[in-house]
Amino acid sequence: MTSPNPTAPDRTDERLTQLEIKLSYTEDLLDTLNQLVATQQDQIDLLLREVARLRQQGGGESLAGPRNLRDELPPHY
């Protein structure tokens, strides 16, 4: 039978403290990432509304089909 290590409780307390510190940093990081994702979703929603508005302004131009670049003059003419 082995005798208990007198420093084992100190080591366990140290490991527990380190885990609590890591948990605290992880929770802070999670909160920051959640806020970032929410901000990005707001930006995506705004961009989708803007694209829809631009499509409405464009009217029937998008219904004409793909354009042929050979029919267009180069910019220097």
PDB file of N, CA and C in Angstrom:
ATOM      1  N   MET A   1       0.822  -1.160   0.000  1.00  0.00           N
ATOM      2  CA  MET A   1       0.000   0.000   0.000  1.00  0.00           C
ATOM      3  C   MET A   1       0.888   1.253   0.000  1.00  0.00           C
ATOM      4  N   THR A   2       0.476   2.263  -0.757  1.00  0.00           N
ATOM      5  CA  THR A   2       1.279   3.477  -0.829  1.00  0.00           C
ATOM      6  C   THR A   2       0.714   4.529   0.108  1.00  0.00           C
ATOM      7  N   SER A   3       1.584   5.341   0.617  1.00  0.00           N
ATOM      8  CA  SER A   3       1.132   6.409   1.507  1.00  0.00           C
ATOM      9  C   SER A   3       0.632   7.577   0.659  1.00  0.00           C
ATOM     10  N   PRO A   4      -0.363   8.284   1.152  1.00  0.00           N
ATOM     11  CA  PRO A   4      -0.893   9.417   0.389  1.00  0.00           C
ATOM     12  C   PRO A   4       0.150  10.520   0.268  1.00  0.00           C
ATOM     13  N   ASN A   5       0.128  11.169  -0.863  1.00  0.00           N
ATOM     14  CA  ASN A   5       1.068  12.249  -1.132  1.00  0.00           C
ATOM     15  C   ASN A   5       0.581  13.516  -0.430  1.00  0.00           C
ATOM     16  N   PRO A   6       1.388  14.110   0.439  1.00  0.00           N
ATOM     17  CA  PRO A   6       0.935  15.289   1.180  1.00  0.00           C
ATOM     18  C   PRO A   6       0.715  16.508   0.269  1.00  0.00           C
ATOM     19  N   THR A   7       1.323  16.531  -0.912  1.00  0.00           N
ATOM     20  CA  THR A   7       1.149  17.679  -1.800  1.00  0.00           C
ATOM     21  C   THR A   7      -0.003  17.476  -2.770  1.00  0.00           C
ATOM     22  N   ALA A   8      -0.668  16.336  -2.729  1.00  0.00           N
ATOM     23  CA  ALA A   8      -1.763  16.063  -3.663  1.00  0.00           C
ATOM     24  C   ALA A   8      -2.897  17.070  -3.540  1.00  0.00           C
ATOM     25  N   PRO A   9      -3.346  17.444  -2.349  1.00  0.00           N
ATOM     26  CA  PRO A   9      -4.421  18.452  -2.274  1.00  0.00           C
ATOM     27  C   PRO A   9      -3.996  19.794  -2.854  1.00  0.00           C
ATOM     28  N   ASP A  10      -2.736  20.179  -2.648  1.00  0.00           N
ATOM     29  CA  ASP A  10      -2.250  21.437  -3.216  1.00  0.00           C
ATOM     30  C   ASP A  10      -2.259  21.379  -4.740  1.00  0.00           C
ATOM     31  N   ARG A  11      -1.825  20.242  -5.259  1.00  0.00           N
ATOM     32  CA  ARG A  11      -1.798  20.052  -6.715  1.00  0.00           C
ATOM     33  C   ARG A  11      -3.213  20.070  -7.280  1.00  0.00           C
ATOM     34  N   THR A  12      -4.149  19.449  -6.585  1.00  0.00           N
ATOM     35  CA  THR A  12      -5.537  19.424  -7.034  1.00  0.00           C
ATOM     36  C   THR A  12      -6.136  20.824  -6.998  1.00  0.00           C
ATOM     37  N   ASP A  13      -5.849  21.560  -5.953  1.00  0.00           N
ATOM     38  CA  ASP A  13      -6.337  22.937  -5.864  1.00  0.00           C
ATOM     39  C   ASP A  13      -5.763  23.795  -6.996  1.00  0.00           C
ATOM     40  N   GLU A  14      -4.499  23.611  -7.292  1.00  0.00           N
ATOM     41  CA  GLU A  14      -3.865  24.370  -8.374  1.00  0.00           C
ATOM     42  C   GLU A  14      -4.503  24.027  -9.716  1.00  0.00           C
ATOM     43  N   ARG A  15      -4.724  22.750  -9.958  1.00  0.00           N
ATOM     44  CA  ARG A  15      -5.355  22.330 -11.215  1.00  0.00           C
ATOM     45  C   ARG A  15      -6.774  22.858 -11.308  1.00  0.00           C
ATOM     46  N   LEU A  16      -7.505  22.834 -10.214  1.00  0.00           N
ATOM     47  CA  LEU A  16      -8.869  23.347 -10.190  1.00  0.00           C
ATOM     48  C   LEU A  16      -8.882  24.847 -10.470  1.00  0.00           C
ATOM     49  N   THR A  17      -7.950  25.568  -9.885  1.00  0.00           N
ATOM     50  CA  THR A  17      -7.850  27.006 -10.126  1.00  0.00           C
ATOM     51  C   THR A  17      -7.548  27.285 -11.598  1.00  0.00           C
ATOM     52  N   GLN A  18      -6.628  26.529 -12.182  1.00  0.00           N
ATOM     53  CA  GLN A  18      -6.298  26.703 -13.600  1.00  0.00           C
ATOM     54  C   GLN A  18      -7.509  26.406 -14.490  1.00  0.00           C
ATOM     55  N   LEU A  19      -8.260  25.384 -14.150  1.00  0.00           N
ATOM     56  CA  LEU A  19      -9.469  25.066 -14.917  1.00  0.00           C
ATOM     57  C   LEU A  19     -10.519  26.174 -14.804  1.00  0.00           C
ATOM     58  N   GLU A  20     -10.651  26.753 -13.616  1.00  0.00           N
ATOM     59  CA  GLU A  20     -11.596  27.852 -13.434  1.00  0.00           C
ATOM     60  C   GLU A  20     -11.179  29.078 -14.251  1.00  0.00           C
ATOM     61  N   ILE A  21      -9.887  29.335 -14.319  1.00  0.00           N
ATOM     62  CA  ILE A  21      -9.383  30.453 -15.118  1.00  0.00           C
ATOM     63  C   ILE A  21      -9.674  30.205 -16.593  1.00  0.00           C
ATOM     64  N   LYS A  22      -9.383  28.993 -17.062  1.00  0.00           N
ATOM     65  CA  LYS A  22      -9.659  28.659 -18.457  1.00  0.00           C
ATOM     66  C   LYS A  22     -11.145  28.761 -18.767  1.00  0.00           C
ATOM     67  N   LEU A  23     -11.978  28.330 -17.849  1.00  0.00           N
ATOM     68  CA  LEU A  23     -13.426  28.415 -18.040  1.00  0.00           C
ATOM     69  C   LEU A  23     -13.870  29.869 -18.148  1.00  0.00           C
ATOM     70  N   SER A  24     -13.293  30.713 -17.323  1.00  0.00           N
ATOM     71  CA  SER A  24     -13.632  32.134 -17.360  1.00  0.00           C
ATOM     72  C   SER A  24     -13.264  32.746 -18.708  1.00  0.00           C
ATOM     73  N   TYR A  25     -12.066  32.452 -19.199  1.00  0.00           N
ATOM     74  CA  TYR A  25     -11.650  32.957 -20.510  1.00  0.00           C
ATOM     75  C   TYR A  25     -12.539  32.388 -21.624  1.00  0.00           C
ATOM     76  N   THR A  26     -12.898  31.130 -21.506  1.00  0.00           N
ATOM     77  CA  THR A  26     -13.748  30.496 -22.514  1.00  0.00           C
ATOM     78  C   THR A  26     -15.127  31.130 -22.549  1.00  0.00           C
ATOM     79  N   GLU A  27     -15.684  31.412 -21.395  1.00  0.00           N
ATOM     80  CA  GLU A  27     -16.999  32.064 -21.344  1.00  0.00           C
ATOM     81  C   GLU A  27     -16.931  33.455 -21.951  1.00  0.00           C
ATOM     82  N   ASP A  28     -15.863  34.194 -21.670  1.00  0.00           N
ATOM     83  CA  ASP A  28     -15.698  35.529 -22.242  1.00  0.00           C
ATOM     84  C   ASP A  28     -15.570  35.448 -23.761  1.00  0.00           C
ATOM     85  N   LEU A  29     -14.798  34.493 -24.242  1.00  0.00           N
ATOM     86  CA  LEU A  29     -14.635  34.311 -25.682  1.00  0.00           C
ATOM     87  C   LEU A  29     -15.963  33.942 -26.332  1.00  0.00           C
ATOM     88  N   LEU A  30     -16.719  33.083 -25.701  1.00  0.00           N
ATOM     89  CA  LEU A  30     -18.024  32.684 -26.236  1.00  0.00           C
ATOM     90  C   LEU A  30     -18.966  33.883 -26.326  1.00  0.00           C
ATOM     91  N   ASP A  31     -18.982  34.716 -25.297  1.00  0.00           N
ATOM     92  CA  ASP A  31     -19.818  35.918 -25.325  1.00  0.00           C
ATOM     93  C   ASP A  31     -19.395  36.858 -26.457  1.00  0.00           C
ATOM     94  N   THR A  32     -18.093  37.022 -26.626  1.00  0.00           N
ATOM     95  CA  THR A  32     -17.579  37.885 -27.689  1.00  0.00           C
ATOM     96  C   THR A  32     -17.961  37.336 -29.059  1.00  0.00           C
ATOM     97  N   LEU A  33     -17.807  36.031 -29.246  1.00  0.00           N
ATOM     98  CA  LEU A  33     -18.149  35.421 -30.527  1.00  0.00           C
ATOM     99  C   LEU A  33     -19.652  35.495 -30.802  1.00  0.00           C
ATOM    100  N   ASN A  34     -20.461  35.308 -29.783  1.00  0.00           N
ATOM    101  CA  ASN A  34     -21.910  35.432 -29.960  1.00  0.00           C
ATOM    102  C   ASN A  34     -22.285  36.837 -30.404  1.00  0.00           C
ATOM    103  N   GLN A  35     -21.651  37.833 -29.801  1.00  0.00           N
ATOM    104  CA  GLN A  35     -21.919  39.219 -30.184  1.00  0.00           C
ATOM    105  C   GLN A  35     -21.475  39.472 -31.620  1.00  0.00           C
ATOM    106  N   LEU A  36     -20.341  38.925 -32.005  1.00  0.00           N
ATOM    107  CA  LEU A  36     -19.837  39.088 -33.363  1.00  0.00           C
ATOM    108  C   LEU A  36     -20.772  38.431 -34.376  1.00  0.00           C
ATOM    109  N   VAL A  37     -21.251  37.245 -34.069  1.00  0.00           N
ATOM    110  CA  VAL A  37     -22.173  36.548 -34.969  1.00  0.00           C
ATOM    111  C   VAL A  37     -23.474  37.334 -35.111  1.00  0.00           C
ATOM    112  N   ALA A  38     -23.971  37.883 -34.028  1.00  0.00           N
ATOM    113  CA  ALA A  38     -25.201  38.683 -34.086  1.00  0.00           C
ATOM    114  C   ALA A  38     -24.988  39.925 -34.947  1.00  0.00           C
ATOM    115  N   THR A  39     -23.843  40.578 -34.811  1.00  0.00           N
ATOM    116  CA  THR A  39     -23.536  41.752 -35.625  1.00  0.00           C
ATOM    117  C   THR A  39     -23.434  41.379 -37.097  1.00  0.00           C
ATOM    118  N   GLN A  40     -22.780  40.274 -37.394  1.00  0.00           N
ATOM    119  CA  GLN A  40     -22.654  39.831 -38.776  1.00  0.00           C
ATOM    120  C   GLN A  40     -24.017  39.462 -39.370  1.00  0.00           C
ATOM    121  N   GLN A  41     -24.887  38.869 -38.567  1.00  0.00           N
ATOM    122  CA  GLN A  41     -26.213  38.535 -39.064  1.00  0.00           C
ATOM    123  C   GLN A  41     -26.994  39.797 -39.396  1.00  0.00           C
ATOM    124  N   ASP A  42     -26.841  40.838 -38.576  1.00  0.00           N
ATOM    125  CA  ASP A  42     -27.481  42.122 -38.877  1.00  0.00           C
ATOM    126  C   ASP A  42     -26.968  42.689 -40.200  1.00  0.00           C
ATOM    127  N   GLN A  43     -25.658  42.577 -40.417  1.00  0.00           N
ATOM    128  CA  GLN A  43     -25.074  43.062 -41.669  1.00  0.00           C
ATOM    129  C   GLN A  43     -25.577  42.254 -42.859  1.00  0.00           C
ATOM    130  N   ILE A  44     -25.683  40.953 -42.703  1.00  0.00           N
ATOM    131  CA  ILE A  44     -26.190  40.099 -43.776  1.00  0.00           C
ATOM    132  C   ILE A  44     -27.628  40.464 -44.109  1.00  0.00           C
ATOM    133  N   ASP A  45     -28.450  40.671 -43.079  1.00  0.00           N
ATOM    134  CA  ASP A  45     -29.842  41.060 -43.306  1.00  0.00           C
ATOM    135  C   ASP A  45     -29.916  42.388 -44.058  1.00  0.00           C
ATOM    136  N   LEU A  46     -29.082  43.340 -43.661  1.00  0.00           N
ATOM    137  CA  LEU A  46     -29.048  44.637 -44.336  1.00  0.00           C
ATOM    138  C   LEU A  46     -28.651  44.474 -45.798  1.00  0.00           C
ATOM    139  N   LEU A  47     -27.637  43.675 -46.062  1.00  0.00           N
ATOM    140  CA  LEU A  47     -27.185  43.461 -47.436  1.00  0.00           C
ATOM    141  C   LEU A  47     -28.246  42.750 -48.275  1.00  0.00           C
ATOM    142  N   LEU A  48     -28.953  41.802 -47.681  1.00  0.00           N
ATOM    143  CA  LEU A  48     -30.023  41.122 -48.420  1.00  0.00           C
ATOM    144  C   LEU A  48     -31.137  42.094 -48.788  1.00  0.00           C
ATOM    145  N   ARG A  49     -31.482  42.999 -47.854  1.00  0.00           N
ATOM    146  CA  ARG A  49     -32.495  44.011 -48.167  1.00  0.00           C
ATOM    147  C   ARG A  49     -32.007  44.941 -49.275  1.00  0.00           C
ATOM    148  N   GLU A  50     -30.732  45.301 -49.231  1.00  0.00           N
ATOM    149  CA  GLU A  50     -30.168  46.178 -50.253  1.00  0.00           C
ATOM    150  C   GLU A  50     -30.172  45.502 -51.620  1.00  0.00           C
ATOM    151  N   VAL A  51     -29.823  44.230 -51.677  1.00  0.00           N
ATOM    152  CA  VAL A  51     -29.845  43.493 -52.943  1.00  0.00           C
ATOM    153  C   VAL A  51     -31.271  43.424 -53.481  1.00  0.00           C
ATOM    154  N   ALA A  52     -32.224  43.159 -52.615  1.00  0.00           N
ATOM    155  CA  ALA A  52     -33.620  43.101 -53.049  1.00  0.00           C
ATOM    156  C   ALA A  52     -34.067  44.460 -53.585  1.00  0.00           C
ATOM    157  N   ARG A  53     -33.661  45.546 -52.920  1.00  0.00           N
ATOM    158  CA  ARG A  53     -34.014  46.893 -53.381  1.00  0.00           C
ATOM    159  C   ARG A  53     -33.390  47.178 -54.739  1.00  0.00           C
ATOM    160  N   LEU A  54     -32.132  46.803 -54.917  1.00  0.00           N
ATOM    161  CA  LEU A  54     -31.453  47.031 -56.190  1.00  0.00           C
ATOM    162  C   LEU A  54     -32.087  46.212 -57.308  1.00  0.00           C
ATOM    163  N   ARG A  55     -32.525  45.022 -56.991  1.00  0.00           N
ATOM    164  CA  ARG A  55     -33.205  44.205 -58.002  1.00  0.00           C
ATOM    165  C   ARG A  55     -34.511  44.854 -58.437  1.00  0.00           C
ATOM    166  N   GLN A  56     -35.229  45.428 -57.483  1.00  0.00           N
ATOM    167  CA  GLN A  56     -36.476  46.108 -57.822  1.00  0.00           C
ATOM    168  C   GLN A  56     -36.210  47.340 -58.675  1.00  0.00           C
ATOM    169  N   GLN A  57     -35.152  48.074 -58.366  1.00  0.00           N
ATOM    170  CA  GLN A  57     -34.810  49.256 -59.149  1.00  0.00           C
ATOM    171  C   GLN A  57     -34.390  48.883 -60.563  1.00  0.00           C
ATOM    172  N   GLY A  58     -33.729  47.732 -60.694  1.00  0.00           N
ATOM    173  CA  GLY A  58     -33.241  47.302 -61.996  1.00  0.00           C
ATOM    174  C   GLY A  58     -34.360  46.977 -62.963  1.00  0.00           C
ATOM    175  N   GLY A  59     -35.525  46.680 -62.464  1.00  0.00           N
ATOM    176  CA  GLY A  59     -36.669  46.388 -63.321  1.00  0.00           C
ATOM    177  C   GLY A  59     -36.469  45.123 -64.123  1.00  0.00           C
ATOM    178  N   GLY A  60     -36.781  45.197 -65.404  1.00  0.00           N
ATOM    179  CA  GLY A  60     -36.738  44.021 -66.266  1.00  0.00           C
ATOM    180  C   GLY A  60     -35.405  43.766 -66.911  1.00  0.00           C
ATOM    181  N   GLU A  61     -34.378  44.508 -66.531  1.00  0.00           N
ATOM    182  CA  GLU A  61     -33.071  44.310 -67.154  1.00  0.00           C
ATOM    183  C   GLU A  61     -32.543  42.895 -66.943  1.00  0.00           C
ATOM    184  N   SER A  62     -32.806  42.328 -65.796  1.00  0.00           N
ATOM    185  CA  SER A  62     -32.297  40.988 -65.521  1.00  0.00           C
ATOM    186  C   SER A  62     -33.074  39.926 -66.284  1.00  0.00           C
ATOM    187  N   LEU A  63     -34.236  40.282 -66.810  1.00  0.00           N
ATOM    188  CA  LEU A  63     -35.040  39.324 -67.567  1.00  0.00           C
ATOM    189  C   LEU A  63     -34.578  39.213 -69.012  1.00  0.00           C
ATOM    190  N   ALA A  64     -33.729  40.126 -69.470  1.00  0.00           N
ATOM    191  CA  ALA A  64     -33.286  40.134 -70.859  1.00  0.00           C
ATOM    192  C   ALA A  64     -32.352  38.968 -71.162  1.00  0.00           C
ATOM    193  N   GLY A  65     -31.847  38.305 -70.186  1.00  0.00           N
ATOM    194  CA  GLY A  65     -30.941  37.182 -70.396  1.00  0.00           C
ATOM    195  C   GLY A  65     -29.503  37.635 -70.329  1.00  0.00           C
ATOM    196  N   PRO A  66     -28.603  36.708 -70.461  1.00  0.00           N
ATOM    197  CA  PRO A  66     -27.187  37.067 -70.376  1.00  0.00           C
ATOM    198  C   PRO A  66     -26.782  37.905 -71.585  1.00  0.00           C
ATOM    199  N   ARG A  67     -25.925  38.882 -71.358  1.00  0.00           N
ATOM    200  CA  ARG A  67     -25.486  39.739 -72.446  1.00  0.00           C
ATOM    201  C   ARG A  67     -24.270  39.134 -73.126  1.00  0.00           C
ATOM    202  N   ASN A  68     -24.119  39.463 -74.379  1.00  0.00           N
ATOM    203  CA  ASN A  68     -22.984  38.985 -75.147  1.00  0.00           C
ATOM    204  C   ASN A  68     -21.937  40.091 -75.160  1.00  0.00           C
ATOM    205  N   LEU A  69     -20.767  39.828 -74.638  1.00  0.00           N
ATOM    206  CA  LEU A  69     -19.719  40.837 -74.554  1.00  0.00           C
ATOM    207  C   LEU A  69     -19.200  41.237 -75.929  1.00  0.00           C
ATOM    208  N   ARG A  70     -19.389  40.423 -76.962  1.00  0.00           N
ATOM    209  CA  ARG A  70     -18.948  40.780 -78.314  1.00  0.00           C
ATOM    210  C   ARG A  70     -19.792  41.912 -78.893  1.00  0.00           C
ATOM    211  N   ASP A  71     -21.015  42.079 -78.408  1.00  0.00           N
ATOM    212  CA  ASP A  71     -21.892  43.136 -78.887  1.00  0.00           C
ATOM    213  C   ASP A  71     -21.570  44.492 -78.271  1.00  0.00           C
ATOM    214  N   GLU A  72     -20.779  44.527 -77.231  1.00  0.00           N
ATOM    215  CA  GLU A  72     -20.460  45.775 -76.562  1.00  0.00           C
ATOM    216  C   GLU A  72     -19.135  46.344 -77.079  1.00  0.00           C
ATOM    217  N   LEU A  73     -19.064  47.652 -77.132  1.00  0.00           N
ATOM    218  CA  LEU A  73     -17.842  48.315 -77.581  1.00  0.00           C
ATOM    219  C   LEU A  73     -16.856  48.377 -76.430  1.00  0.00           C
ATOM    220  N   PRO A  74     -15.576  48.265 -76.726  1.00  0.00           N
ATOM    221  CA  PRO A  74     -14.583  48.429 -75.673  1.00  0.00           C
ATOM    222  C   PRO A  74     -14.622  49.859 -75.130  1.00  0.00           C
ATOM    223  N   PRO A  75     -14.130  50.101 -73.930  1.00  0.00           N
ATOM    224  CA  PRO A  75     -14.221  51.420 -73.310  1.00  0.00           C
ATOM    225  C   PRO A  75     -13.460  52.522 -74.071  1.00  0.00           C
ATOM    226  N   HIS A  76     -12.518  52.195 -74.938  1.00  0.00           N
ATOM    227  CA  HIS A  76     -11.731  53.244 -75.601  1.00  0.00           C
ATOM    228  C   HIS A  76     -12.397  53.746 -76.885  1.00  0.00           C
ATOM    229  N   TYR A  77     -13.556  53.218 -77.268  1.00  0.00           N
ATOM    230  CA  TYR A  77     -14.258  53.722 -78.461  1.00  0.00           C
ATOM    231  C   TYR A  77     -15.218  54.796 -78.135  1.00  0.00           C
TER     232      TYR A  77
END
